[in-house]
Amino acid sequence: MISLNSIIFNGMDITPIDVQVQLSSGLSKPEFKIIGLADRAVKESAERVRNALAALNLGLPPKKLTVNLSPADVEKTGAHFDLPILCAIMCAIGVLSEEKLARYIIMGEVGLNGAIGKTDGCLPAGVWAAKHDMGLICPASCGPEAALSANANILAPEHVLDLVNHFKGMAVLQPPVTTLETAPQTNAKIDLCDVHGQAAAKRALEIAAAGGHAMLMIGPPGSGKTMLAARLATIMPEMTAAEILETSTIYSIAGQLNGRGLVQNRPFRSVHHTASAVALAGGGGDARPGEISLAHNGVLFLDELPEFNRTTLEILRQPMESGQIMISRARRNATYPARFQLIAAMNPCPCGHLGNAAMACSRAPRCAEAYQNKISGPLLDRIDLHVDVDAVNPWEMHNSANESTGETSETVRARVVAARTRQIARQGKINAYLDGPELDAAVHMSPDATEFLNTAAEKMGMSARGYNRIKRIARTIADLRGASDVDISDLAEALSYRQIGRGKFAA
């Protein structure tokens, strides 16, 4: 019996798969059977492998050939088992040496002519193989991606014949080479100074970046909400090495790395309001990551928030608290990280012109209240900063553009980085992730400040979650000014970002 190694992804975890091939008693013609819990793509592997062998002028012996994918109770999905099955068969018929292949993780789709096709997840596969002192055999198109794992023993053939020639000593496969390029960033040329006016919204955006807080902007069309959201990533600190590898791994599993190199810029995922629950959370037959995981360590932007399906939005509640999402399917569970920073935007009413006497519809303000009620209270309670973004008159914007520009992203980022540095030094994490005893230890308030906060919380009917969020925001505001204690001015500013609630638009 021949045994080679492959893998399957369970979220960010990797399960090793043993590909076992056995030839039994002679028959009048070859019999080829794959057993083990597997999807259609794996079952069809028998025909692809059979034709690939024929393309190499190799025929199956007149015996019963059984391929077992172990462990049997783990469902195998995808076409990346083609290459390990083909290699195990070639070992069984004496073409390749099992001893030479045993220390490799093998993955890749095989075409009918023997060409090895692209497969997803080569970066985490290379990392896992290196940790277990193993090499990796993957498609040539995935070689540069796999090389990012720093695994020194990677083979990336374009054709099965290249792999055969390498192990027979007739030709040598060179290790794939990659350059650590920064993945293309669509917002590379935008800057915060492009937004004229909106000083209050810019201040809230800076607080959101400094503490990692979720933020909801509400204002009429054309007030600059999308412009502000797109510039959040430009004022956030650069990603750490651990964040780069973790985010790149998610993109590799999702098949979105595409040979671009590591994802070194914080992701900015702008999701359309027609997106389904599966697109947002992840799922499908192979439990792939969704938008909230692709936004890990970056920004998830939801424009026109009330236009989203309410059930879809409710998916956000648990990941916003825990920083991860579990995808459960009939035969598979996968857990992905989802530590994203939510930035949402909405109009005050369906037409967007509430309060504008010249343009508001006759149904105001009742329609505005109904529009806001599309968003559940528990979800609103999880959003730290609620910000009004007022319309800017065109002539005022023109005058401000001619007179002077606002602060650049680089200037604001320097303050954000300084604030985050204080947070990491004090508590080992940013303020948005603080809870319970950690939050109490980080927020030092005088008796007067405590009484001020308690009185405000009582008058506003604030929940315990909202109370703690005020403390987190005030802690971030104090960090931005370099203070060790939270004072009344910090709390007052934090409370000003929690005023959007039920009935606001009806007033």
Protein backbone atom coordinates (compact mmCIF):
# COMPACT_ATOMS: atom_id res chain seq x y z
CA MET A 1 0.00 0.00 0.00
CA ILE A 2 1.29 3.48 -0.95
CA SER A 3 0.62 6.47 1.35
CA LEU A 4 1.20 10.15 0.49
CA ASN A 5 0.19 13.42 2.17
CA SER A 6 -2.27 16.17 1.29
CA ILE A 7 -4.33 18.62 3.33
CA ILE A 8 -7.79 20.12 3.66
CA PHE A 9 -8.72 23.49 5.18
CA ASN A 10 -11.12 23.79 8.11
CA GLY A 11 -11.28 27.56 8.27
CA MET A 12 -7.81 28.73 9.26
CA ASP A 13 -6.98 25.25 10.59
CA ILE A 14 -5.41 22.58 8.40
CA THR A 15 -6.25 18.90 8.58
CA PRO A 16 -3.66 16.50 7.11
CA ILE A 17 -5.12 13.94 4.69
CA ASP A 18 -3.50 10.56 4.04
CA VAL A 19 -3.90 9.49 0.40
CA GLN A 20 -3.63 5.71 0.38
CA VAL A 21 -3.45 3.64 -2.82
CA GLN A 22 -3.63 -0.13 -2.92
CA LEU A 23 -3.43 -2.54 -5.85
CA SER A 24 -5.19 -5.85 -5.25
CA SER A 25 -5.82 -9.07 -7.20
CA GLY A 26 -5.53 -9.16 -10.97
CA LEU A 27 -8.56 -8.54 -13.14
CA SER A 28 -9.26 -8.68 -16.86
CA LYS A 29 -9.24 -4.86 -16.94
CA PRO A 30 -8.32 -2.07 -14.49
CA GLU A 31 -10.85 -1.09 -11.85
CA PHE A 32 -10.43 2.39 -10.28
CA LYS A 33 -12.33 3.39 -7.16
CA ILE A 34 -12.06 6.36 -4.75
CA ILE A 35 -13.52 5.90 -1.27
CA GLY A 36 -13.95 8.28 1.65
CA LEU A 37 -16.34 11.14 2.39
CA ALA A 38 -15.85 13.45 -0.61
CA ASP A 39 -17.67 15.82 -2.94
CA ARG A 40 -18.28 15.42 -6.65
CA ALA A 41 -15.00 17.09 -7.64
CA VAL A 42 -13.03 14.48 -5.69
CA LYS A 43 -15.07 11.59 -7.09
CA GLU A 44 -14.46 12.87 -10.63
CA SER A 45 -10.74 12.88 -9.91
CA ALA A 46 -10.62 9.24 -11.07
CA GLU A 47 -11.38 10.23 -14.67
CA ARG A 48 -8.95 13.16 -14.69
CA VAL A 49 -6.16 10.99 -13.28
CA ARG A 50 -6.90 8.16 -15.71
CA ASN A 51 -6.63 10.52 -18.69
CA ALA A 52 -3.51 12.21 -17.33
CA LEU A 53 -1.81 8.81 -17.05
CA ALA A 54 -2.79 8.05 -20.63
CA ALA A 55 -1.25 11.37 -21.70
CA LEU A 56 2.01 10.19 -20.12
CA ASN A 57 1.77 6.85 -22.00
CA LEU A 58 1.21 5.10 -18.70
CA GLY A 59 -1.56 2.56 -18.41
CA LEU A 60 -3.20 1.22 -15.27
CA PRO A 61 -2.42 -2.45 -14.59
CA PRO A 62 -5.29 -4.95 -14.84
CA LYS A 63 -5.87 -4.83 -11.09
CA LYS A 64 -8.34 -3.37 -8.64
CA LEU A 65 -7.01 0.05 -7.63
CA THR A 66 -8.49 1.54 -4.43
CA VAL A 67 -7.79 5.11 -3.32
CA ASN A 68 -8.68 5.84 0.30
CA LEU A 69 -8.72 9.42 1.60
CA SER A 70 -8.18 9.22 5.34
CA PRO A 71 -9.60 10.22 7.83
CA ALA A 72 -12.84 8.92 6.40
CA ASP A 73 -15.15 11.11 8.53
CA VAL A 74 -13.71 14.43 7.22
CA GLU A 75 -15.34 15.57 4.01
CA LYS A 76 -12.85 16.25 1.22
CA THR A 77 -13.72 19.02 -1.19
CA GLY A 78 -12.06 20.46 -4.29
CA ALA A 79 -9.89 19.25 -7.13
CA HIS A 80 -6.55 19.70 -5.32
CA PHE A 81 -6.51 15.99 -4.45
CA ASP A 82 -5.87 15.10 -8.12
CA LEU A 83 -2.10 15.46 -7.90
CA PRO A 84 -1.55 13.47 -4.66
CA ILE A 85 -3.77 10.67 -6.01
CA LEU A 86 -1.85 10.62 -9.29
CA CYS A 87 1.52 10.63 -7.49
CA ALA A 88 0.43 7.78 -5.20
CA ILE A 89 -0.65 5.72 -8.22
CA MET A 90 2.65 6.36 -9.98
CA CYS A 91 4.44 5.20 -6.82
CA ALA A 92 2.27 2.06 -6.75
CA ILE A 93 3.15 1.17 -10.36
CA GLY A 94 6.86 1.94 -9.84
CA VAL A 95 7.22 5.20 -11.75
CA LEU A 96 8.05 7.31 -8.66
CA SER A 97 9.59 6.53 -5.29
CA GLU A 98 7.29 6.66 -2.26
CA GLU A 99 10.29 7.34 -0.03
CA LYS A 100 11.14 10.56 -1.90
CA LEU A 101 7.56 11.85 -1.91
CA ALA A 102 6.62 10.92 1.66
CA ARG A 103 7.99 14.16 3.15
CA TYR A 104 5.94 16.43 0.89
CA ILE A 105 2.47 17.89 1.15
CA ILE A 106 1.04 17.52 -2.36
CA MET A 107 -1.80 19.59 -3.82
CA GLY A 108 -2.93 20.56 -7.31
CA GLU A 109 -5.57 19.94 -9.94
CA VAL A 110 -4.54 17.76 -12.87
CA GLY A 111 -5.81 18.36 -16.39
CA LEU A 112 -6.61 15.64 -18.91
CA ASN A 113 -3.27 16.29 -20.62
CA GLY A 114 -1.26 16.13 -17.39
CA ALA A 115 -0.96 19.89 -16.86
CA ILE A 116 -1.15 20.93 -13.21
CA GLY A 117 -3.76 23.61 -12.55
CA LYS A 118 -4.08 26.33 -9.91
CA THR A 119 -5.45 25.58 -6.47
CA ASP A 120 -6.26 27.80 -3.50
CA GLY A 121 -4.54 27.87 -0.12
CA CYS A 122 -0.91 27.30 -1.12
CA LEU A 123 0.36 29.99 1.28
CA PRO A 124 -1.07 28.43 4.49
CA ALA A 125 -0.16 24.99 3.13
CA GLY A 126 3.48 26.08 2.78
CA VAL A 127 3.48 27.55 6.30
CA TRP A 128 1.96 24.38 7.78
CA ALA A 129 4.41 22.15 5.90
CA ALA A 130 7.39 24.20 7.10
CA LYS A 131 6.22 23.95 10.73
CA HIS A 132 6.07 20.16 10.37
CA ASP A 133 9.45 19.89 8.60
CA MET A 134 7.89 18.94 5.29
CA GLY A 135 8.14 20.19 1.72
CA LEU A 136 5.33 21.28 -0.58
CA ILE A 137 4.48 20.25 -4.14
CA CYS A 138 2.04 22.68 -5.74
CA PRO A 139 1.15 24.05 -9.21
CA ALA A 140 3.65 26.33 -10.93
CA SER A 141 1.04 29.12 -11.04
CA CYS A 142 0.90 28.98 -7.23
CA GLY A 143 4.66 28.78 -6.71
CA PRO A 144 5.25 32.49 -6.04
CA GLU A 145 2.40 32.46 -3.51
CA ALA A 146 3.74 29.35 -1.77
CA ALA A 147 7.23 30.88 -1.65
CA LEU A 148 5.84 33.63 0.60
CA SER A 149 5.61 31.01 3.35
CA ALA A 150 9.44 30.93 3.60
CA ASN A 151 9.38 27.15 3.14
CA ALA A 152 12.75 26.26 1.60
CA ASN A 153 11.55 22.99 0.07
CA ILE A 154 8.90 23.85 -2.53
CA LEU A 155 8.45 22.21 -5.92
CA ALA A 156 6.12 23.91 -8.40
CA PRO A 157 5.85 21.90 -11.66
CA GLU A 158 3.73 23.00 -14.62
CA HIS A 159 3.16 19.44 -15.82
CA VAL A 160 3.21 16.00 -14.21
CA LEU A 161 6.10 15.09 -16.52
CA ASP A 162 8.19 17.87 -14.95
CA LEU A 163 7.67 16.27 -11.54
CA VAL A 164 8.57 12.80 -12.85
CA ASN A 165 11.74 14.09 -14.51
CA HIS A 166 12.76 15.90 -11.32
CA PHE A 167 12.55 12.82 -9.09
CA LYS A 168 14.20 10.64 -11.74
CA GLY A 169 17.10 13.10 -11.96
CA MET A 170 16.54 13.95 -15.62
CA ALA A 171 15.76 17.63 -14.89
CA VAL A 172 15.77 19.78 -11.78
CA LEU A 173 12.84 21.95 -10.74
CA GLN A 174 14.09 25.28 -9.48
CA PRO A 175 12.50 26.63 -6.28
CA PRO A 176 9.84 29.24 -7.06
CA VAL A 177 10.85 32.84 -6.49
CA THR A 178 8.61 35.62 -5.27
CA THR A 179 8.95 39.31 -4.57
CA LEU A 180 7.24 40.67 -1.49
CA GLU A 181 5.19 43.14 -3.44
CA THR A 182 2.47 45.14 -1.80
CA ALA A 183 -0.91 44.06 -3.06
CA PRO A 184 -2.51 46.69 -5.30
CA GLN A 185 -4.41 49.23 -3.23
CA THR A 186 -7.29 51.08 -4.79
CA ASN A 187 -7.06 53.97 -2.31
CA ALA A 188 -3.29 54.49 -2.65
CA LYS A 189 -3.68 58.03 -4.06
CA ILE A 190 -6.49 59.33 -1.85
CA ASP A 191 -5.90 61.55 1.17
CA LEU A 192 -7.96 62.93 4.02
CA CYS A 193 -7.24 66.47 2.88
CA ASP A 194 -9.41 65.76 -0.19
CA VAL A 195 -12.47 66.13 2.06
CA HIS A 196 -13.32 69.81 2.47
CA GLY A 197 -15.15 70.89 5.60
CA GLN A 198 -16.70 68.18 7.82
CA ALA A 199 -14.37 68.93 10.74
CA ALA A 200 -16.58 67.06 13.21
CA ALA A 201 -16.75 63.94 11.01
CA LYS A 202 -12.98 64.02 10.48
CA ARG A 203 -12.46 64.20 14.24
CA ALA A 204 -14.74 61.18 14.73
CA LEU A 205 -12.85 59.32 11.99
CA GLU A 206 -9.57 59.98 13.79
CA ILE A 207 -11.01 58.65 17.06
CA ALA A 208 -12.31 55.57 15.23
CA ALA A 209 -8.87 54.89 13.73
CA ALA A 210 -7.04 55.47 17.02
CA GLY A 211 -9.16 53.05 19.04
CA GLY A 212 -10.46 50.65 16.38
CA HIS A 213 -14.05 51.75 17.03
CA ALA A 214 -17.06 51.06 14.82
CA MET A 215 -18.66 54.16 13.33
CA LEU A 216 -21.99 55.11 11.75
CA MET A 217 -22.27 58.25 9.63
CA ILE A 218 -25.66 59.71 8.81
CA GLY A 219 -26.27 62.54 6.40
CA PRO A 220 -27.86 63.56 3.10
CA PRO A 221 -26.57 62.37 -0.28
CA GLY A 222 -23.38 64.08 -1.39
CA SER A 223 -22.27 65.09 2.10
CA GLY A 224 -19.03 63.08 1.86
CA LYS A 225 -19.80 59.92 3.87
CA THR A 226 -18.24 57.53 1.34
CA MET A 227 -15.22 59.81 0.87
CA LEU A 228 -14.59 59.80 4.62
CA ALA A 229 -14.96 56.02 4.91
CA ALA A 230 -12.56 55.40 2.02
CA ARG A 231 -9.91 57.49 3.76
CA LEU A 232 -10.02 55.66 7.08
CA ALA A 233 -7.44 53.11 5.91
CA THR A 234 -5.07 55.96 5.02
CA ILE A 235 -4.85 57.13 8.65
CA MET A 236 -4.59 53.69 10.25
CA PRO A 237 -1.21 52.28 11.39
CA GLU A 238 0.66 49.92 9.11
CA MET A 239 0.00 46.23 9.56
CA THR A 240 2.31 44.16 11.75
CA ALA A 241 4.07 41.07 10.37
CA ALA A 242 1.59 38.79 12.17
CA GLU A 243 -1.38 40.72 10.75
CA ILE A 244 0.09 40.58 7.24
CA LEU A 245 0.51 36.80 7.35
CA GLU A 246 -2.92 36.18 8.91
CA THR A 247 -4.74 38.40 6.42
CA SER A 248 -2.81 36.96 3.48
CA THR A 249 -3.74 33.46 4.63
CA ILE A 250 -7.44 34.33 4.53
CA TYR A 251 -7.09 35.74 1.02
CA SER A 252 -5.17 32.62 -0.07
CA ILE A 253 -7.90 30.30 1.21
CA ALA A 254 -10.53 32.46 -0.52
CA GLY A 255 -8.57 32.33 -3.77
CA GLN A 256 -8.12 36.11 -3.86
CA LEU A 257 -4.35 36.40 -3.37
CA ASN A 258 -3.82 35.82 -7.11
CA GLY A 259 -0.02 35.98 -7.02
CA ARG A 260 0.00 39.60 -5.85
CA GLY A 261 2.30 39.00 -2.92
CA LEU A 262 1.40 39.45 0.71
CA VAL A 263 -1.50 41.71 1.63
CA GLN A 264 0.48 44.50 3.29
CA ASN A 265 -2.18 47.23 3.13
CA ARG A 266 -5.14 47.12 5.47
CA PRO A 267 -8.11 45.69 3.56
CA PHE A 268 -10.99 47.99 2.69
CA ARG A 269 -14.05 45.95 1.75
CA SER A 270 -17.01 47.94 0.45
CA VAL A 271 -20.06 45.67 0.39
CA HIS A 272 -23.13 46.40 -1.74
CA HIS A 273 -26.47 46.36 0.05
CA THR A 274 -27.71 43.50 -2.15
CA ALA A 275 -25.06 41.14 -0.71
CA SER A 276 -26.43 37.89 0.70
CA ALA A 277 -25.83 36.51 4.16
CA VAL A 278 -23.42 33.93 2.71
CA ALA A 279 -21.45 36.62 0.89
CA LEU A 280 -21.10 38.60 4.11
CA ALA A 281 -20.46 35.82 6.62
CA GLY A 282 -18.96 33.18 4.35
CA GLY A 283 -20.14 29.68 3.55
CA GLY A 284 -20.99 27.62 0.52
CA GLY A 285 -20.21 23.97 0.07
CA ASP A 286 -16.58 24.40 1.09
CA ALA A 287 -17.25 26.99 3.84
CA ARG A 288 -15.17 29.78 2.31
CA PRO A 289 -14.53 33.08 4.12
CA GLY A 290 -16.91 35.95 3.50
CA GLU A 291 -16.53 39.72 3.43
CA ILE A 292 -16.26 40.09 7.19
CA SER A 293 -13.23 37.76 7.21
CA LEU A 294 -11.71 39.37 4.10
CA ALA A 295 -11.93 42.65 6.04
CA HIS A 296 -9.96 41.15 8.97
CA ASN A 297 -7.41 43.68 10.30
CA GLY A 298 -9.01 46.28 8.03
CA VAL A 299 -12.24 48.11 7.28
CA LEU A 300 -15.69 46.77 6.41
CA PHE A 301 -17.73 49.55 4.81
CA LEU A 302 -21.50 49.19 4.53
CA ASP A 303 -23.06 52.04 2.59
CA GLU A 304 -26.84 52.61 2.65
CA LEU A 305 -27.08 50.56 5.84
CA PRO A 306 -30.91 50.41 6.10
CA GLU A 307 -31.09 49.01 2.56
CA PHE A 308 -29.38 45.79 3.66
CA ASN A 309 -31.55 42.83 4.49
CA ARG A 310 -32.12 42.97 8.25
CA THR A 311 -31.31 39.28 8.73
CA THR A 312 -28.04 39.80 6.89
CA LEU A 313 -27.09 42.71 9.14
CA GLU A 314 -27.80 40.71 12.30
CA ILE A 315 -24.93 38.40 11.31
CA LEU A 316 -22.54 41.20 12.30
CA ARG A 317 -23.53 41.21 15.96
CA GLN A 318 -21.59 38.17 17.14
CA PRO A 319 -18.37 38.76 15.13
CA MET A 320 -18.24 42.39 16.32
CA GLU A 321 -18.03 41.10 19.89
CA SER A 322 -15.87 37.99 19.47
CA GLY A 323 -13.68 38.88 16.47
CA GLN A 324 -14.37 35.59 14.69
CA ILE A 325 -17.13 33.85 12.76
CA MET A 326 -18.06 30.17 12.81
CA ILE A 327 -19.61 28.80 9.62
CA SER A 328 -21.62 25.63 10.23
CA ARG A 329 -22.73 23.40 7.41
CA ALA A 330 -24.22 19.91 7.35
CA ARG A 331 -20.86 18.15 7.16
CA ARG A 332 -18.37 20.90 7.89
CA ASN A 333 -17.63 23.62 10.43
CA ALA A 334 -15.07 26.35 9.80
CA THR A 335 -13.99 29.22 12.02
CA TYR A 336 -12.41 32.33 10.49
CA PRO A 337 -11.04 35.47 12.16
CA ALA A 338 -13.26 38.52 11.67
CA ARG A 339 -11.65 41.36 13.62
CA PHE A 340 -12.86 44.09 11.28
CA GLN A 341 -13.58 47.75 11.88
CA LEU A 342 -17.14 48.50 10.82
CA ILE A 343 -17.81 51.82 9.11
CA ALA A 344 -21.42 52.30 8.04
CA ALA A 345 -23.25 55.14 6.30
CA MET A 346 -26.90 55.96 5.76
CA ASN A 347 -29.24 58.70 4.62
CA PRO A 348 -31.58 60.20 7.23
CA CYS A 349 -34.64 59.00 5.30
CA PRO A 350 -35.45 57.18 2.03
CA CYS A 351 -35.17 60.34 -0.08
CA GLY A 352 -32.19 61.57 1.95
CA HIS A 353 -33.32 65.18 2.34
CA LEU A 354 -34.92 65.27 5.77
CA GLY A 355 -34.68 68.79 7.18
CA ASN A 356 -34.22 70.40 3.78
CA ALA A 357 -37.37 72.46 3.28
CA ALA A 358 -36.77 72.73 -0.45
CA MET A 359 -36.34 69.00 -1.11
CA ALA A 360 -37.89 67.00 1.76
CA CYS A 361 -40.89 64.83 0.88
CA SER A 362 -44.39 65.21 2.35
CA ARG A 363 -44.10 62.02 4.39
CA ALA A 364 -41.42 63.38 6.73
CA PRO A 365 -40.72 62.82 9.55
CA ARG A 366 -42.69 59.55 9.85
CA CYS A 367 -40.85 57.94 6.93
CA ALA A 368 -37.49 58.77 8.54
CA GLU A 369 -38.41 56.98 11.75
CA ALA A 370 -39.56 53.90 9.84
CA TYR A 371 -36.35 54.00 7.76
CA GLN A 372 -34.16 54.04 10.86
CA ASN A 373 -36.15 51.22 12.46
CA LYS A 374 -34.84 48.89 9.76
CA ILE A 375 -31.66 48.71 11.86
CA SER A 376 -32.05 46.78 15.09
CA GLY A 377 -31.32 48.39 18.44
CA PRO A 378 -28.75 45.73 19.47
CA LEU A 379 -26.75 46.37 16.29
CA LEU A 380 -26.85 50.14 16.79
CA ASP A 381 -25.74 49.61 20.37
CA ARG A 382 -22.60 47.85 19.13
CA ILE A 383 -21.57 50.82 16.99
CA ASP A 384 -19.39 53.10 19.11
CA LEU A 385 -19.54 56.37 17.18
CA HIS A 386 -22.75 57.85 15.75
CA VAL A 387 -21.88 60.90 13.67
CA ASP A 388 -24.04 63.46 11.86
CA VAL A 389 -22.52 64.47 8.52
CA ASP A 390 -24.18 67.69 7.37
CA ALA A 391 -24.40 68.79 3.77
CA VAL A 392 -21.69 71.16 2.57
CA ASN A 393 -22.72 74.02 0.30
CA PRO A 394 -20.91 73.86 -3.07
CA TRP A 395 -19.72 77.47 -2.83
CA GLU A 396 -18.31 76.85 0.67
CA MET A 397 -16.45 73.79 -0.60
CA HIS A 398 -15.05 75.82 -3.50
CA ASN A 399 -13.88 78.60 -1.19
CA SER A 400 -12.24 76.18 1.26
CA ALA A 401 -10.44 74.47 -1.63
CA ASN A 402 -9.04 77.80 -2.83
CA GLU A 403 -8.05 79.10 0.62
CA SER A 404 -6.40 76.11 2.27
CA THR A 405 -6.54 72.34 2.59
CA GLY A 406 -7.19 70.36 5.75
CA GLU A 407 -4.79 68.05 7.50
CA THR A 408 -3.26 65.31 5.39
CA SER A 409 -3.64 61.63 6.15
CA GLU A 410 0.04 61.49 7.11
CA THR A 411 -0.42 64.16 9.79
CA VAL A 412 -3.49 62.49 11.28
CA ARG A 413 -1.87 59.05 11.06
CA ALA A 414 1.00 60.24 13.24
CA ARG A 415 -1.44 61.06 16.05
CA VAL A 416 -3.28 57.78 15.55
CA VAL A 417 -0.04 55.78 15.70
CA ALA A 418 1.03 57.60 18.87
CA ALA A 419 -2.33 56.87 20.51
CA ARG A 420 -2.23 53.20 19.55
CA THR A 421 1.33 52.91 20.80
CA ARG A 422 0.16 54.12 24.22
CA GLN A 423 -2.66 51.58 24.20
CA ILE A 424 -0.42 48.63 23.30
CA ALA A 425 2.14 49.65 25.94
CA ARG A 426 -0.57 49.96 28.60
CA GLN A 427 -2.80 46.96 27.94
CA GLY A 428 -1.37 44.97 25.01
CA LYS A 429 -4.34 45.67 22.71
CA ILE A 430 -6.29 48.59 21.28
CA ASN A 431 -9.16 50.10 23.22
CA ALA A 432 -11.97 48.63 21.08
CA TYR A 433 -11.03 45.15 22.32
CA LEU A 434 -11.12 46.02 26.04
CA ASP A 435 -13.82 44.55 28.22
CA GLY A 436 -14.48 43.73 31.87
CA PRO A 437 -11.52 44.02 34.24
CA GLU A 438 -9.22 45.15 31.39
CA LEU A 439 -11.45 48.14 30.71
CA ASP A 440 -11.72 49.03 34.39
CA ALA A 441 -7.95 48.87 34.75
CA ALA A 442 -7.36 51.09 31.71
CA VAL A 443 -9.93 53.80 32.47
CA HIS A 444 -9.00 55.95 35.48
CA MET A 445 -11.61 58.60 36.36
CA SER A 446 -11.98 61.05 39.20
CA PRO A 447 -15.11 60.86 41.42
CA ASP A 448 -16.55 63.90 39.61
CA ALA A 449 -15.98 62.29 36.20
CA THR A 450 -17.57 59.04 37.39
CA GLU A 451 -20.62 60.88 38.70
CA PHE A 452 -20.90 62.82 35.43
CA LEU A 453 -20.88 59.60 33.39
CA ASN A 454 -23.37 57.84 35.68
CA THR A 455 -25.79 60.75 35.52
CA ALA A 456 -25.56 60.93 31.74
CA ALA A 457 -26.06 57.18 31.37
CA GLU A 458 -29.19 57.32 33.53
CA LYS A 459 -30.70 60.23 31.60
CA MET A 460 -29.96 58.60 28.23
CA GLY A 461 -31.25 55.19 29.29
CA MET A 462 -27.94 53.66 28.31
CA SER A 463 -27.37 49.88 28.38
CA ALA A 464 -24.41 48.30 30.16
CA ARG A 465 -22.81 47.70 26.74
CA GLY A 466 -23.32 51.34 25.78
CA TYR A 467 -21.89 52.47 29.13
CA ASN A 468 -18.71 50.50 28.53
CA ARG A 469 -18.46 51.81 24.98
CA ILE A 470 -18.53 55.38 26.27
CA LYS A 471 -15.63 54.50 28.55
CA ARG A 472 -13.69 52.99 25.63
CA ILE A 473 -14.25 56.03 23.42
CA ALA A 474 -13.29 58.42 26.24
CA ARG A 475 -10.14 56.37 26.82
CA THR A 476 -9.22 56.75 23.15
CA ILE A 477 -9.87 60.50 23.24
CA ALA A 478 -7.59 60.78 26.28
CA ASP A 479 -4.92 58.74 24.45
CA LEU A 480 -5.06 61.13 21.50
CA ARG A 481 -4.21 64.04 23.79
CA GLY A 482 -1.56 61.98 25.64
CA ALA A 483 -3.36 61.89 29.01
CA SER A 484 -3.14 59.05 31.50
CA ASP A 485 -6.57 59.73 33.09
CA VAL A 486 -9.99 60.22 31.55
CA ASP A 487 -11.58 63.53 32.49
CA ILE A 488 -15.02 65.08 32.09
CA SER A 489 -14.17 66.69 28.72
CA ASP A 490 -13.23 63.27 27.30
CA LEU A 491 -16.51 61.78 28.55
CA ALA A 492 -18.53 64.71 27.21
CA GLU A 493 -17.06 64.31 23.74
CA ALA A 494 -17.61 60.55 23.87
CA LEU A 495 -21.26 61.07 24.86
CA SER A 496 -21.76 63.41 21.91
CA TYR A 497 -21.19 60.43 19.60
CA ARG A 498 -23.99 58.36 21.17
CA GLN A 499 -27.00 60.56 20.47
CA ILE A 500 -28.49 58.78 17.50
CA GLY A 501 -31.33 56.64 18.77
CA ARG A 502 -34.99 55.76 18.30
CA GLY A 503 -37.14 58.79 17.61
CA LYS A 504 -34.30 61.14 16.66
CA PHE A 505 -35.59 61.73 13.17
CA ALA A 506 -39.13 62.24 14.33
CA ALA A 507 -38.19 65.24 16.40
